[in-house]
Amino acid sequence: TLTAHRLASGPGWRVVDVICTAGPHDRSEEEEHPLVSIAAVTAGTF
């Protein structure tokens, strides 16, 4: 379970608030970075 809310964007950049509620029994899925990604972890571990 993943929710993403775009907070702001401009030419060449966007900032998204991403909240994941997955746990130990949830299966991970392969994903792909469409752009250069720098994600600051603000809560939880993974």
PDB file of all heavy atoms in Angstrom:
ATOM      1  N   THR A   1       0.843  -1.180   0.000  1.00  0.00           N
ATOM      2  CA  THR A   1       0.000   0.000   0.000  1.00  0.00           C
ATOM      3  C   THR A   1       0.884   1.238   0.000  1.00  0.00           C
ATOM      4  O   THR A   1       1.639   1.482   0.934  1.00  0.00           O
ATOM      5  CB  THR A   1      -0.920   0.001   1.228  1.00  0.00           C
ATOM      6  OG1 THR A   1      -1.669  -1.202   1.227  1.00  0.00           O
ATOM      7  CG2 THR A   1      -1.865   1.168   1.190  1.00  0.00           C
ATOM      8  N   LEU A   2       0.778   1.988  -1.082  1.00  0.00           N
ATOM      9  CA  LEU A   2       1.621   3.156  -1.277  1.00  0.00           C
ATOM     10  C   LEU A   2       0.740   4.330  -1.675  1.00  0.00           C
ATOM     11  O   LEU A   2      -0.104   4.209  -2.555  1.00  0.00           O
ATOM     12  CB  LEU A   2       2.616   2.855  -2.399  1.00  0.00           C
ATOM     13  CG  LEU A   2       3.789   3.787  -2.594  1.00  0.00           C
ATOM     14  CD1 LEU A   2       4.797   3.602  -1.461  1.00  0.00           C
ATOM     15  CD2 LEU A   2       4.462   3.460  -3.915  1.00  0.00           C
ATOM     16  N   THR A   3       0.940   5.459  -0.989  1.00  0.00           N
ATOM     17  CA  THR A   3       0.265   6.681  -1.408  1.00  0.00           C
ATOM     18  C   THR A   3       1.323   7.719  -1.715  1.00  0.00           C
ATOM     19  O   THR A   3       2.345   7.799  -1.038  1.00  0.00           O
ATOM     20  CB  THR A   3      -0.699   7.227  -0.331  1.00  0.00           C
ATOM     21  OG1 THR A   3       0.043   7.493   0.864  1.00  0.00           O
ATOM     22  CG2 THR A   3      -1.812   6.238  -0.030  1.00  0.00           C
ATOM     23  N   ALA A   4       1.078   8.471  -2.763  1.00  0.00           N
ATOM     24  CA  ALA A   4       2.024   9.504  -3.172  1.00  0.00           C
ATOM     25  C   ALA A   4       1.248  10.781  -3.448  1.00  0.00           C
ATOM     26  O   ALA A   4       0.250  10.769  -4.164  1.00  0.00           O
ATOM     27  CB  ALA A   4       2.782   9.052  -4.412  1.00  0.00           C
ATOM     28  N   HIS A   5       1.732  11.870  -2.859  1.00  0.00           N
ATOM     29  CA  HIS A   5       1.080  13.167  -3.027  1.00  0.00           C
ATOM     30  C   HIS A   5       2.127  14.174  -3.489  1.00  0.00           C
ATOM     31  O   HIS A   5       3.104  14.432  -2.779  1.00  0.00           O
ATOM     32  CB  HIS A   5       0.462  13.613  -1.695  1.00  0.00           C
ATOM     33  CG  HIS A   5      -0.190  14.942  -1.757  1.00  0.00           C
ATOM     34  ND1 HIS A   5       0.404  16.069  -1.247  1.00  0.00           N
ATOM     35  CD2 HIS A   5      -1.375  15.344  -2.281  1.00  0.00           C
ATOM     36  CE1 HIS A   5      -0.388  17.109  -1.450  1.00  0.00           C
ATOM     37  NE2 HIS A   5      -1.471  16.694  -2.076  1.00  0.00           N
ATOM     38  N   ARG A   6       1.938  14.717  -4.694  1.00  0.00           N
ATOM     39  CA  ARG A   6       2.873  15.715  -5.206  1.00  0.00           C
ATOM     40  C   ARG A   6       2.728  16.989  -4.396  1.00  0.00           C
ATOM     41  O   ARG A   6       1.648  17.557  -4.295  1.00  0.00           O
ATOM     42  CB  ARG A   6       2.619  16.002  -6.676  1.00  0.00           C
ATOM     43  CG  ARG A   6       3.662  16.970  -7.256  1.00  0.00           C
ATOM     44  CD  ARG A   6       3.425  17.267  -8.694  1.00  0.00           C
ATOM     45  NE  ARG A   6       3.680  16.076  -9.487  1.00  0.00           N
ATOM     46  CZ  ARG A   6       3.999  16.096 -10.769  1.00  0.00           C
ATOM     47  NH1 ARG A   6       4.082  17.243 -11.409  1.00  0.00           N
ATOM     48  NH2 ARG A   6       4.215  14.986 -11.423  1.00  0.00           N
ATOM     49  N   LEU A   7       3.838  17.433  -3.822  1.00  0.00           N
ATOM     50  CA  LEU A   7       3.836  18.644  -3.001  1.00  0.00           C
ATOM     51  C   LEU A   7       4.147  19.889  -3.816  1.00  0.00           C
ATOM     52  O   LEU A   7       3.591  20.953  -3.553  1.00  0.00           O
ATOM     53  CB  LEU A   7       4.851  18.511  -1.864  1.00  0.00           C
ATOM     54  CG  LEU A   7       4.614  17.367  -0.878  1.00  0.00           C
ATOM     55  CD1 LEU A   7       5.778  17.264   0.095  1.00  0.00           C
ATOM     56  CD2 LEU A   7       3.299  17.563  -0.144  1.00  0.00           C
ATOM     57  N   ALA A   8       5.078  19.751  -4.757  1.00  0.00           N
ATOM     58  CA  ALA A   8       5.509  20.900  -5.547  1.00  0.00           C
ATOM     59  C   ALA A   8       6.242  20.405  -6.781  1.00  0.00           C
ATOM     60  O   ALA A   8       6.757  19.283  -6.797  1.00  0.00           O
ATOM     61  CB  ALA A   8       6.428  21.801  -4.724  1.00  0.00           C
ATOM     62  N   SER A   9       6.296  21.256  -7.791  1.00  0.00           N
ATOM     63  CA  SER A   9       7.051  20.900  -8.989  1.00  0.00           C
ATOM     64  C   SER A   9       7.418  22.164  -9.748  1.00  0.00           C
ATOM     65  O   SER A   9       6.834  23.228  -9.544  1.00  0.00           O
ATOM     66  CB  SER A   9       6.246  19.953  -9.882  1.00  0.00           C
ATOM     67  OG  SER A   9       5.064  20.579 -10.343  1.00  0.00           O
ATOM     68  N   GLY A  10       8.407  22.011 -10.600  1.00  0.00           N
ATOM     69  CA  GLY A  10       8.856  23.094 -11.452  1.00  0.00           C
ATOM     70  C   GLY A  10       9.577  22.495 -12.635  1.00  0.00           C
ATOM     71  O   GLY A  10       9.628  21.266 -12.775  1.00  0.00           O
ATOM     72  N   PRO A  11      10.167  23.317 -13.485  1.00  0.00           N
ATOM     73  CA  PRO A  11      10.878  22.795 -14.648  1.00  0.00           C
ATOM     74  C   PRO A  11      12.013  21.852 -14.229  1.00  0.00           C
ATOM     75  O   PRO A  11      12.956  22.262 -13.567  1.00  0.00           O
ATOM     76  CB  PRO A  11      11.433  24.043 -15.336  1.00  0.00           C
ATOM     77  CG  PRO A  11      10.575  25.162 -14.846  1.00  0.00           C
ATOM     78  CD  PRO A  11      10.168  24.777 -13.449  1.00  0.00           C
ATOM     79  N   GLY A  12      11.870  20.574 -14.549  1.00  0.00           N
ATOM     80  CA  GLY A  12      12.919  19.589 -14.282  1.00  0.00           C
ATOM     81  C   GLY A  12      12.891  18.943 -12.918  1.00  0.00           C
ATOM     82  O   GLY A  12      13.750  18.118 -12.618  1.00  0.00           O
ATOM     83  N   TRP A  13      11.936  19.274 -12.071  1.00  0.00           N
ATOM     84  CA  TRP A  13      11.915  18.685 -10.724  1.00  0.00           C
ATOM     85  C   TRP A  13      10.490  18.561 -10.199  1.00  0.00           C
ATOM     86  O   TRP A  13       9.596  19.266 -10.620  1.00  0.00           O
ATOM     87  CB  TRP A  13      12.753  19.510  -9.746  1.00  0.00           C
ATOM     88  CG  TRP A  13      12.234  20.911  -9.541  1.00  0.00           C
ATOM     89  CD1 TRP A  13      12.517  22.010 -10.292  1.00  0.00           C
ATOM     90  CD2 TRP A  13      11.301  21.348  -8.532  1.00  0.00           C
ATOM     91  NE1 TRP A  13      11.829  23.103  -9.812  1.00  0.00           N
ATOM     92  CE2 TRP A  13      11.075  22.726  -8.732  1.00  0.00           C
ATOM     93  CE3 TRP A  13      10.640  20.701  -7.493  1.00  0.00           C
ATOM     94  CZ2 TRP A  13      10.234  23.470  -7.926  1.00  0.00           C
ATOM     95  CZ3 TRP A  13       9.785  21.445  -6.691  1.00  0.00           C
ATOM     96  CH2 TRP A  13       9.594  22.819  -6.896  1.00  0.00           C
ATOM     97  N   ARG A  14      10.322  17.626  -9.270  1.00  0.00           N
ATOM     98  CA  ARG A  14       9.066  17.479  -8.533  1.00  0.00           C
ATOM     99  C   ARG A  14       9.393  16.858  -7.177  1.00  0.00           C
ATOM    100  O   ARG A  14      10.355  16.102  -7.051  1.00  0.00           O
ATOM    101  CB  ARG A  14       8.045  16.658  -9.302  1.00  0.00           C
ATOM    102  CG  ARG A  14       8.425  15.258  -9.588  1.00  0.00           C
ATOM    103  CD  ARG A  14       7.801  14.633 -10.810  1.00  0.00           C
ATOM    104  NE  ARG A  14       7.860  15.292 -12.093  1.00  0.00           N
ATOM    105  CZ  ARG A  14       8.963  15.465 -12.847  1.00  0.00           C
ATOM    106  NH1 ARG A  14      10.110  15.030 -12.440  1.00  0.00           N
ATOM    107  NH2 ARG A  14       8.908  16.071 -14.003  1.00  0.00           N
ATOM    108  N   VAL A  15       8.583  17.206  -6.191  1.00  0.00           N
ATOM    109  CA  VAL A  15       8.745  16.666  -4.845  1.00  0.00           C
ATOM    110  C   VAL A  15       7.445  15.965  -4.484  1.00  0.00           C
ATOM    111  O   VAL A  15       6.366  16.552  -4.588  1.00  0.00           O
ATOM    112  CB  VAL A  15       9.059  17.769  -3.809  1.00  0.00           C
ATOM    113  CG1 VAL A  15       9.229  17.160  -2.421  1.00  0.00           C
ATOM    114  CG2 VAL A  15      10.309  18.542  -4.209  1.00  0.00           C
ATOM    115  N   VAL A  16       7.578  14.698  -4.060  1.00  0.00           N
ATOM    116  CA  VAL A  16       6.418  13.874  -3.758  1.00  0.00           C
ATOM    117  C   VAL A  16       6.548  13.334  -2.332  1.00  0.00           C
ATOM    118  O   VAL A  16       7.606  12.831  -1.946  1.00  0.00           O
ATOM    119  CB  VAL A  16       6.308  12.706  -4.765  1.00  0.00           C
ATOM    120  CG1 VAL A  16       5.104  11.838  -4.469  1.00  0.00           C
ATOM    121  CG2 VAL A  16       6.257  13.232  -6.193  1.00  0.00           C
ATOM    122  N   ASP A  17       5.475  13.439  -1.571  1.00  0.00           N
ATOM    123  CA  ASP A  17       5.403  12.849  -0.231  1.00  0.00           C
ATOM    124  C   ASP A  17       4.895  11.420  -0.408  1.00  0.00           C
ATOM    125  O   ASP A  17       3.775  11.211  -0.878  1.00  0.00           O
ATOM    126  CB  ASP A  17       4.440  13.666   0.637  1.00  0.00           C
ATOM    127  CG  ASP A  17       4.403  13.221   2.084  1.00  0.00           C
ATOM    128  OD1 ASP A  17       5.368  12.555   2.540  1.00  0.00           O
ATOM    129  OD2 ASP A  17       3.415  13.549   2.761  1.00  0.00           O
ATOM    130  N   VAL A  18       5.726  10.438  -0.076  1.00  0.00           N
ATOM    131  CA  VAL A  18       5.401   9.029  -0.302  1.00  0.00           C
ATOM    132  C   VAL A  18       5.251   8.340   1.049  1.00  0.00           C
ATOM    133  O   VAL A  18       6.165   8.371   1.876  1.00  0.00           O
ATOM    134  CB  VAL A  18       6.496   8.332  -1.135  1.00  0.00           C
ATOM    135  CG1 VAL A  18       6.148   6.858  -1.350  1.00  0.00           C
ATOM    136  CG2 VAL A  18       6.706   9.044  -2.460  1.00  0.00           C
ATOM    137  N   ILE A  19       4.109   7.700   1.237  1.00  0.00           N
ATOM    138  CA  ILE A  19       3.846   6.945   2.465  1.00  0.00           C
ATOM    139  C   ILE A  19       3.570   5.499   2.078  1.00  0.00           C
ATOM    140  O   ILE A  19       2.702   5.224   1.248  1.00  0.00           O
ATOM    141  CB  ILE A  19       2.657   7.536   3.240  1.00  0.00           C
ATOM    142  CG1 ILE A  19       2.954   8.985   3.631  1.00  0.00           C
ATOM    143  CG2 ILE A  19       2.356   6.683   4.477  1.00  0.00           C
ATOM    144  CD1 ILE A  19       1.772   9.723   4.238  1.00  0.00           C
ATOM    145  N   CYS A  20       4.302   4.582   2.675  1.00  0.00           N
ATOM    146  CA  CYS A  20       4.142   3.155   2.422  1.00  0.00           C
ATOM    147  C   CYS A  20       3.713   2.480   3.716  1.00  0.00           C
ATOM    148  O   CYS A  20       4.277   2.755   4.778  1.00  0.00           O
ATOM    149  CB  CYS A  20       5.456   2.559   1.930  1.00  0.00           C
ATOM    150  SG  CYS A  20       5.363   0.784   1.629  1.00  0.00           S
ATOM    151  N   THR A  21       2.728   1.611   3.628  1.00  0.00           N
ATOM    152  CA  THR A  21       2.254   0.897   4.823  1.00  0.00           C
ATOM    153  C   THR A  21       2.565  -0.596   4.757  1.00  0.00           C
ATOM    154  O   THR A  21       2.017  -1.374   5.534  1.00  0.00           O
ATOM    155  CB  THR A  21       0.738   1.097   5.004  1.00  0.00           C
ATOM    156  OG1 THR A  21       0.057   0.600   3.852  1.00  0.00           O
ATOM    157  CG2 THR A  21       0.408   2.570   5.245  1.00  0.00           C
ATOM    158  N   ALA A  22       3.448  -1.009   3.864  1.00  0.00           N
ATOM    159  CA  ALA A  22       3.812  -2.424   3.732  1.00  0.00           C
ATOM    160  C   ALA A  22       4.512  -2.912   4.991  1.00  0.00           C
ATOM    161  O   ALA A  22       5.148  -2.139   5.714  1.00  0.00           O
ATOM    162  CB  ALA A  22       4.700  -2.635   2.518  1.00  0.00           C
ATOM    163  N   GLY A  23       4.419  -4.214   5.203  1.00  0.00           N
ATOM    164  CA  GLY A  23       5.056  -4.827   6.353  1.00  0.00           C
ATOM    165  C   GLY A  23       5.782  -6.098   5.975  1.00  0.00           C
ATOM    166  O   GLY A  23       5.913  -6.437   4.786  1.00  0.00           O
ATOM    167  N   PRO A  24       6.230  -6.854   6.981  1.00  0.00           N
ATOM    168  CA  PRO A  24       7.022  -8.059   6.748  1.00  0.00           C
ATOM    169  C   PRO A  24       6.315  -9.133   5.911  1.00  0.00           C
ATOM    170  O   PRO A  24       6.978  -9.914   5.239  1.00  0.00           O
ATOM    171  CB  PRO A  24       7.311  -8.579   8.161  1.00  0.00           C
ATOM    172  CG  PRO A  24       7.170  -7.387   9.041  1.00  0.00           C
ATOM    173  CD  PRO A  24       6.132  -6.529   8.394  1.00  0.00           C
ATOM    174  N   HIS A  25       5.018  -9.161   5.911  1.00  0.00           N
ATOM    175  CA  HIS A  25       4.306 -10.213   5.183  1.00  0.00           C
ATOM    176  C   HIS A  25       3.880  -9.779   3.780  1.00  0.00           C
ATOM    177  O   HIS A  25       3.286 -10.568   3.047  1.00  0.00           O
ATOM    178  CB  HIS A  25       3.101 -10.688   5.984  1.00  0.00           C
ATOM    179  CG  HIS A  25       3.493 -11.225   7.327  1.00  0.00           C
ATOM    180  ND1 HIS A  25       4.220 -12.379   7.480  1.00  0.00           N
ATOM    181  CD2 HIS A  25       3.304 -10.733   8.569  1.00  0.00           C
ATOM    182  CE1 HIS A  25       4.449 -12.592   8.766  1.00  0.00           C
ATOM    183  NE2 HIS A  25       3.910 -11.598   9.454  1.00  0.00           N
ATOM    184  N   ASP A  26       4.194  -8.547   3.408  1.00  0.00           N
ATOM    185  CA  ASP A  26       3.846  -8.056   2.086  1.00  0.00           C
ATOM    186  C   ASP A  26       4.981  -8.340   1.104  1.00  0.00           C
ATOM    187  O   ASP A  26       6.156  -8.157   1.434  1.00  0.00           O
ATOM    188  CB  ASP A  26       3.567  -6.547   2.126  1.00  0.00           C
ATOM    189  CG  ASP A  26       2.339  -6.213   2.936  1.00  0.00           C
ATOM    190  OD1 ASP A  26       1.288  -6.822   2.671  1.00  0.00           O
ATOM    191  OD2 ASP A  26       2.443  -5.360   3.841  1.00  0.00           O
ATOM    192  N   ARG A  27       4.610  -8.791  -0.064  1.00  0.00           N
ATOM    193  CA  ARG A  27       5.586  -9.126  -1.089  1.00  0.00           C
ATOM    194  C   ARG A  27       6.037  -7.855  -1.804  1.00  0.00           C
ATOM    195  O   ARG A  27       5.217  -7.009  -2.167  1.00  0.00           O
ATOM    196  CB  ARG A  27       4.936 -10.079  -2.078  1.00  0.00           C
ATOM    197  CG  ARG A  27       5.872 -10.600  -3.101  1.00  0.00           C
ATOM    198  CD  ARG A  27       5.185 -11.656  -3.930  1.00  0.00           C
ATOM    199  NE  ARG A  27       6.065 -12.014  -5.005  1.00  0.00           N
ATOM    200  CZ  ARG A  27       5.700 -12.622  -6.075  1.00  0.00           C
ATOM    201  NH1 ARG A  27       4.448 -12.966  -6.242  1.00  0.00           N
ATOM    202  NH2 ARG A  27       6.573 -12.916  -7.007  1.00  0.00           N
ATOM    203  N   SER A  28       7.344  -7.737  -2.037  1.00  0.00           N
ATOM    204  CA  SER A  28       7.847  -6.566  -2.756  1.00  0.00           C
ATOM    205  C   SER A  28       7.691  -6.793  -4.258  1.00  0.00           C
ATOM    206  O   SER A  28       7.694  -7.915  -4.741  1.00  0.00           O
ATOM    207  CB  SER A  28       9.314  -6.302  -2.407  1.00  0.00           C
ATOM    208  OG  SER A  28      10.137  -7.339  -2.898  1.00  0.00           O
ATOM    209  N   GLU A  29       7.537  -5.693  -4.971  1.00  0.00           N
ATOM    210  CA  GLU A  29       7.407  -5.742  -6.418  1.00  0.00           C
ATOM    211  C   GLU A  29       8.542  -4.949  -7.042  1.00  0.00           C
ATOM    212  O   GLU A  29       8.995  -3.956  -6.481  1.00  0.00           O
ATOM    213  CB  GLU A  29       6.072  -5.143  -6.845  1.00  0.00           C
ATOM    214  CG  GLU A  29       4.877  -5.923  -6.348  1.00  0.00           C
ATOM    215  CD  GLU A  29       3.564  -5.299  -6.783  1.00  0.00           C
ATOM    216  OE1 GLU A  29       3.557  -4.557  -7.789  1.00  0.00           O
ATOM    217  OE2 GLU A  29       2.560  -5.558  -6.120  1.00  0.00           O
ATOM    218  N   GLU A  30       8.974  -5.396  -8.229  1.00  0.00           N
ATOM    219  CA  GLU A  30      10.013  -4.654  -8.924  1.00  0.00           C
ATOM    220  C   GLU A  30       9.427  -3.362  -9.476  1.00  0.00           C
ATOM    221  O   GLU A  30       8.337  -3.353 -10.048  1.00  0.00           O
ATOM    222  CB  GLU A  30      10.611  -5.489 -10.048  1.00  0.00           C
ATOM    223  CG  GLU A  30      11.813  -4.806 -10.673  1.00  0.00           C
ATOM    224  CD  GLU A  30      12.569  -5.714 -11.605  1.00  0.00           C
ATOM    225  OE1 GLU A  30      12.201  -5.771 -12.795  1.00  0.00           O
ATOM    226  OE2 GLU A  30      13.523  -6.354 -11.138  1.00  0.00           O
ATOM    227  N   GLU A  31      10.152  -2.286  -9.266  1.00  0.00           N
ATOM    228  CA  GLU A  31       9.757  -0.972  -9.752  1.00  0.00           C
ATOM    229  C   GLU A  31      10.936  -0.384 -10.532  1.00  0.00           C
ATOM    230  O   GLU A  31      12.025  -0.945 -10.524  1.00  0.00           O
ATOM    231  CB  GLU A  31       9.386  -0.063  -8.582  1.00  0.00           C
ATOM    232  CG  GLU A  31       8.232  -0.603  -7.737  1.00  0.00           C
ATOM    233  CD  GLU A  31       7.931   0.273  -6.557  1.00  0.00           C
ATOM    234  OE1 GLU A  31       7.502   1.422  -6.783  1.00  0.00           O
ATOM    235  OE2 GLU A  31       8.144  -0.174  -5.420  1.00  0.00           O
ATOM    236  N   GLU A  32      10.721   0.743 -11.185  1.00  0.00           N
ATOM    237  CA  GLU A  32      11.780   1.396 -11.945  1.00  0.00           C
ATOM    238  C   GLU A  32      11.784   2.891 -11.661  1.00  0.00           C
ATOM    239  O   GLU A  32      10.722   3.514 -11.610  1.00  0.00           O
ATOM    240  CB  GLU A  32      11.558   1.174 -13.441  1.00  0.00           C
ATOM    241  CG  GLU A  32      12.623   1.800 -14.311  1.00  0.00           C
ATOM    242  CD  GLU A  32      12.381   1.569 -15.791  1.00  0.00           C
ATOM    243  OE1 GLU A  32      11.735   0.572 -16.154  1.00  0.00           O
ATOM    244  OE2 GLU A  32      12.834   2.412 -16.580  1.00  0.00           O
ATOM    245  N   HIS A  33      12.978   3.436 -11.478  1.00  0.00           N
ATOM    246  CA  HIS A  33      13.112   4.887 -11.320  1.00  0.00           C
ATOM    247  C   HIS A  33      12.965   5.529 -12.701  1.00  0.00           C
ATOM    248  O   HIS A  33      13.808   5.309 -13.568  1.00  0.00           O
ATOM    249  CB  HIS A  33      14.487   5.259 -10.749  1.00  0.00           C
ATOM    250  CG  HIS A  33      14.724   4.815  -9.349  1.00  0.00           C
ATOM    251  ND1 HIS A  33      14.052   5.364  -8.280  1.00  0.00           N
ATOM    252  CD2 HIS A  33      15.564   3.883  -8.833  1.00  0.00           C
ATOM    253  CE1 HIS A  33      14.474   4.790  -7.167  1.00  0.00           C
ATOM    254  NE2 HIS A  33      15.388   3.886  -7.477  1.00  0.00           N
ATOM    255  N   PRO A  34      11.930   6.334 -12.922  1.00  0.00           N
ATOM    256  CA  PRO A  34      11.793   6.980 -14.225  1.00  0.00           C
ATOM    257  C   PRO A  34      12.731   8.174 -14.392  1.00  0.00           C
ATOM    258  O   PRO A  34      13.076   8.551 -15.506  1.00  0.00           O
ATOM    259  CB  PRO A  34      10.339   7.426 -14.257  1.00  0.00           C
ATOM    260  CG  PRO A  34       9.958   7.577 -12.823  1.00  0.00           C
ATOM    261  CD  PRO A  34      10.781   6.576 -12.067  1.00  0.00           C
ATOM    262  N   LEU A  35      13.146   8.759 -13.284  1.00  0.00           N
ATOM    263  CA  LEU A  35      13.998   9.951 -13.274  1.00  0.00           C
ATOM    264  C   LEU A  35      15.116   9.758 -12.261  1.00  0.00           C
ATOM    265  O   LEU A  35      15.164   8.746 -11.562  1.00  0.00           O
ATOM    266  CB  LEU A  35      13.167  11.177 -12.889  1.00  0.00           C
ATOM    267  CG  LEU A  35      11.985  11.515 -13.804  1.00  0.00           C
ATOM    268  CD1 LEU A  35      11.087  12.546 -13.149  1.00  0.00           C
ATOM    269  CD2 LEU A  35      12.481  12.004 -15.153  1.00  0.00           C
ATOM    270  N   VAL A  36      15.982  10.723 -12.136  1.00  0.00           N
ATOM    271  CA  VAL A  36      16.952  10.732 -11.044  1.00  0.00           C
ATOM    272  C   VAL A  36      16.144  10.872  -9.758  1.00  0.00           C
ATOM    273  O   VAL A  36      15.257  11.727  -9.665  1.00  0.00           O
ATOM    274  CB  VAL A  36      17.955  11.898 -11.180  1.00  0.00           C
ATOM    275  CG1 VAL A  36      18.890  11.944  -9.977  1.00  0.00           C
ATOM    276  CG2 VAL A  36      18.740  11.790 -12.487  1.00  0.00           C
ATOM    277  N   SER A  37      16.426  10.022  -8.776  1.00  0.00           N
ATOM    278  CA  SER A  37      15.654  10.030  -7.534  1.00  0.00           C
ATOM    279  C   SER A  37      16.559  10.218  -6.331  1.00  0.00           C
ATOM    280  O   SER A  37      17.572   9.535  -6.189  1.00  0.00           O
ATOM    281  CB  SER A  37      14.895   8.702  -7.367  1.00  0.00           C
ATOM    282  OG  SER A  37      13.981   8.529  -8.413  1.00  0.00           O
ATOM    283  N   ILE A  38      16.169  11.153  -5.489  1.00  0.00           N
ATOM    284  CA  ILE A  38      16.785  11.337  -4.178  1.00  0.00           C
ATOM    285  C   ILE A  38      15.616  11.341  -3.200  1.00  0.00           C
ATOM    286  O   ILE A  38      14.798  12.259  -3.217  1.00  0.00           O
ATOM    287  CB  ILE A  38      17.560  12.667  -4.078  1.00  0.00           C
ATOM    288  CG1 ILE A  38      18.673  12.740  -5.128  1.00  0.00           C
ATOM    289  CG2 ILE A  38      18.118  12.843  -2.663  1.00  0.00           C
ATOM    290  CD1 ILE A  38      19.351  14.108  -5.222  1.00  0.00           C
ATOM    291  N   ALA A  39      15.514  10.298  -2.396  1.00  0.00           N
ATOM    292  CA  ALA A  39      14.391  10.189  -1.467  1.00  0.00           C
ATOM    293  C   ALA A  39      14.909  10.273  -0.036  1.00  0.00           C
ATOM    294  O   ALA A  39      15.705   9.440   0.389  1.00  0.00           O
ATOM    295  CB  ALA A  39      13.629   8.890  -1.685  1.00  0.00           C
ATOM    296  N   ALA A  40      14.455  11.276   0.673  1.00  0.00           N
ATOM    297  CA  ALA A  40      14.834  11.478   2.067  1.00  0.00           C
ATOM    298  C   ALA A  40      13.878  10.682   2.954  1.00  0.00           C
ATOM    299  O   ALA A  40      12.674  10.945   2.953  1.00  0.00           O
ATOM    300  CB  ALA A  40      14.782  12.956   2.423  1.00  0.00           C
ATOM    301  N   VAL A  41      14.416   9.729   3.691  1.00  0.00           N
ATOM    302  CA  VAL A  41      13.586   8.924   4.588  1.00  0.00           C
ATOM    303  C   VAL A  41      13.290   9.753   5.830  1.00  0.00           C
ATOM    304  O   VAL A  41      14.205  10.206   6.520  1.00  0.00           O
ATOM    305  CB  VAL A  41      14.281   7.598   4.964  1.00  0.00           C
ATOM    306  CG1 VAL A  41      13.395   6.762   5.872  1.00  0.00           C
ATOM    307  CG2 VAL A  41      14.673   6.817   3.712  1.00  0.00           C
ATOM    308  N   THR A  42      11.999   9.951   6.111  1.00  0.00           N
ATOM    309  CA  THR A  42      11.610  10.761   7.263  1.00  0.00           C
ATOM    310  C   THR A  42      10.989   9.942   8.384  1.00  0.00           C
ATOM    311  O   THR A  42      10.879  10.429   9.506  1.00  0.00           O
ATOM    312  CB  THR A  42      10.647  11.891   6.849  1.00  0.00           C
ATOM    313  OG1 THR A  42       9.461  11.325   6.301  1.00  0.00           O
ATOM    314  CG2 THR A  42      11.297  12.809   5.813  1.00  0.00           C
ATOM    315  N   ALA A  43      10.592   8.701   8.087  1.00  0.00           N
ATOM    316  CA  ALA A  43      10.029   7.823   9.127  1.00  0.00           C
ATOM    317  C   ALA A  43      10.121   6.375   8.655  1.00  0.00           C
ATOM    318  O   ALA A  43      10.069   6.095   7.459  1.00  0.00           O
ATOM    319  CB  ALA A  43       8.567   8.183   9.401  1.00  0.00           C
ATOM    320  N   GLY A  44      10.265   5.459   9.600  1.00  0.00           N
ATOM    321  CA  GLY A  44      10.286   4.038   9.284  1.00  0.00           C
ATOM    322  C   GLY A  44      11.615   3.570   8.724  1.00  0.00           C
ATOM    323  O   GLY A  44      12.547   4.352   8.526  1.00  0.00           O
ATOM    324  N   THR A  45      11.702   2.270   8.498  1.00  0.00           N
ATOM    325  CA  THR A  45      12.886   1.668   7.894  1.00  0.00           C
ATOM    326  C   THR A  45      12.442   0.697   6.811  1.00  0.00           C
ATOM    327  O   THR A  45      11.345   0.148   6.862  1.00  0.00           O
ATOM    328  CB  THR A  45      13.745   0.904   8.926  1.00  0.00           C
ATOM    329  OG1 THR A  45      12.969  -0.152   9.479  1.00  0.00           O
ATOM    330  CG2 THR A  45      14.255   1.809  10.028  1.00  0.00           C
ATOM    331  N   PHE A  46      13.320   0.510   5.837  1.00  0.00           N
ATOM    332  CA  PHE A  46      13.048  -0.474   4.785  1.00  0.00           C
ATOM    333  C   PHE A  46      14.351  -0.870   4.101  1.00  0.00           C
ATOM    334  O   PHE A  46      15.374  -0.216   4.252  1.00  0.00           O
ATOM    335  CB  PHE A  46      12.027   0.059   3.774  1.00  0.00           C
ATOM    336  CG  PHE A  46      12.451   1.296   3.029  1.00  0.00           C
ATOM    337  CD1 PHE A  46      13.000   1.207   1.766  1.00  0.00           C
ATOM    338  CD2 PHE A  46      12.270   2.555   3.580  1.00  0.00           C
ATOM    339  CE1 PHE A  46      13.371   2.345   1.060  1.00  0.00           C
ATOM    340  CE2 PHE A  46      12.630   3.702   2.888  1.00  0.00           C
ATOM    341  CZ  PHE A  46      13.193   3.592   1.624  1.00  0.00           C
TER     342      PHE A  46
END
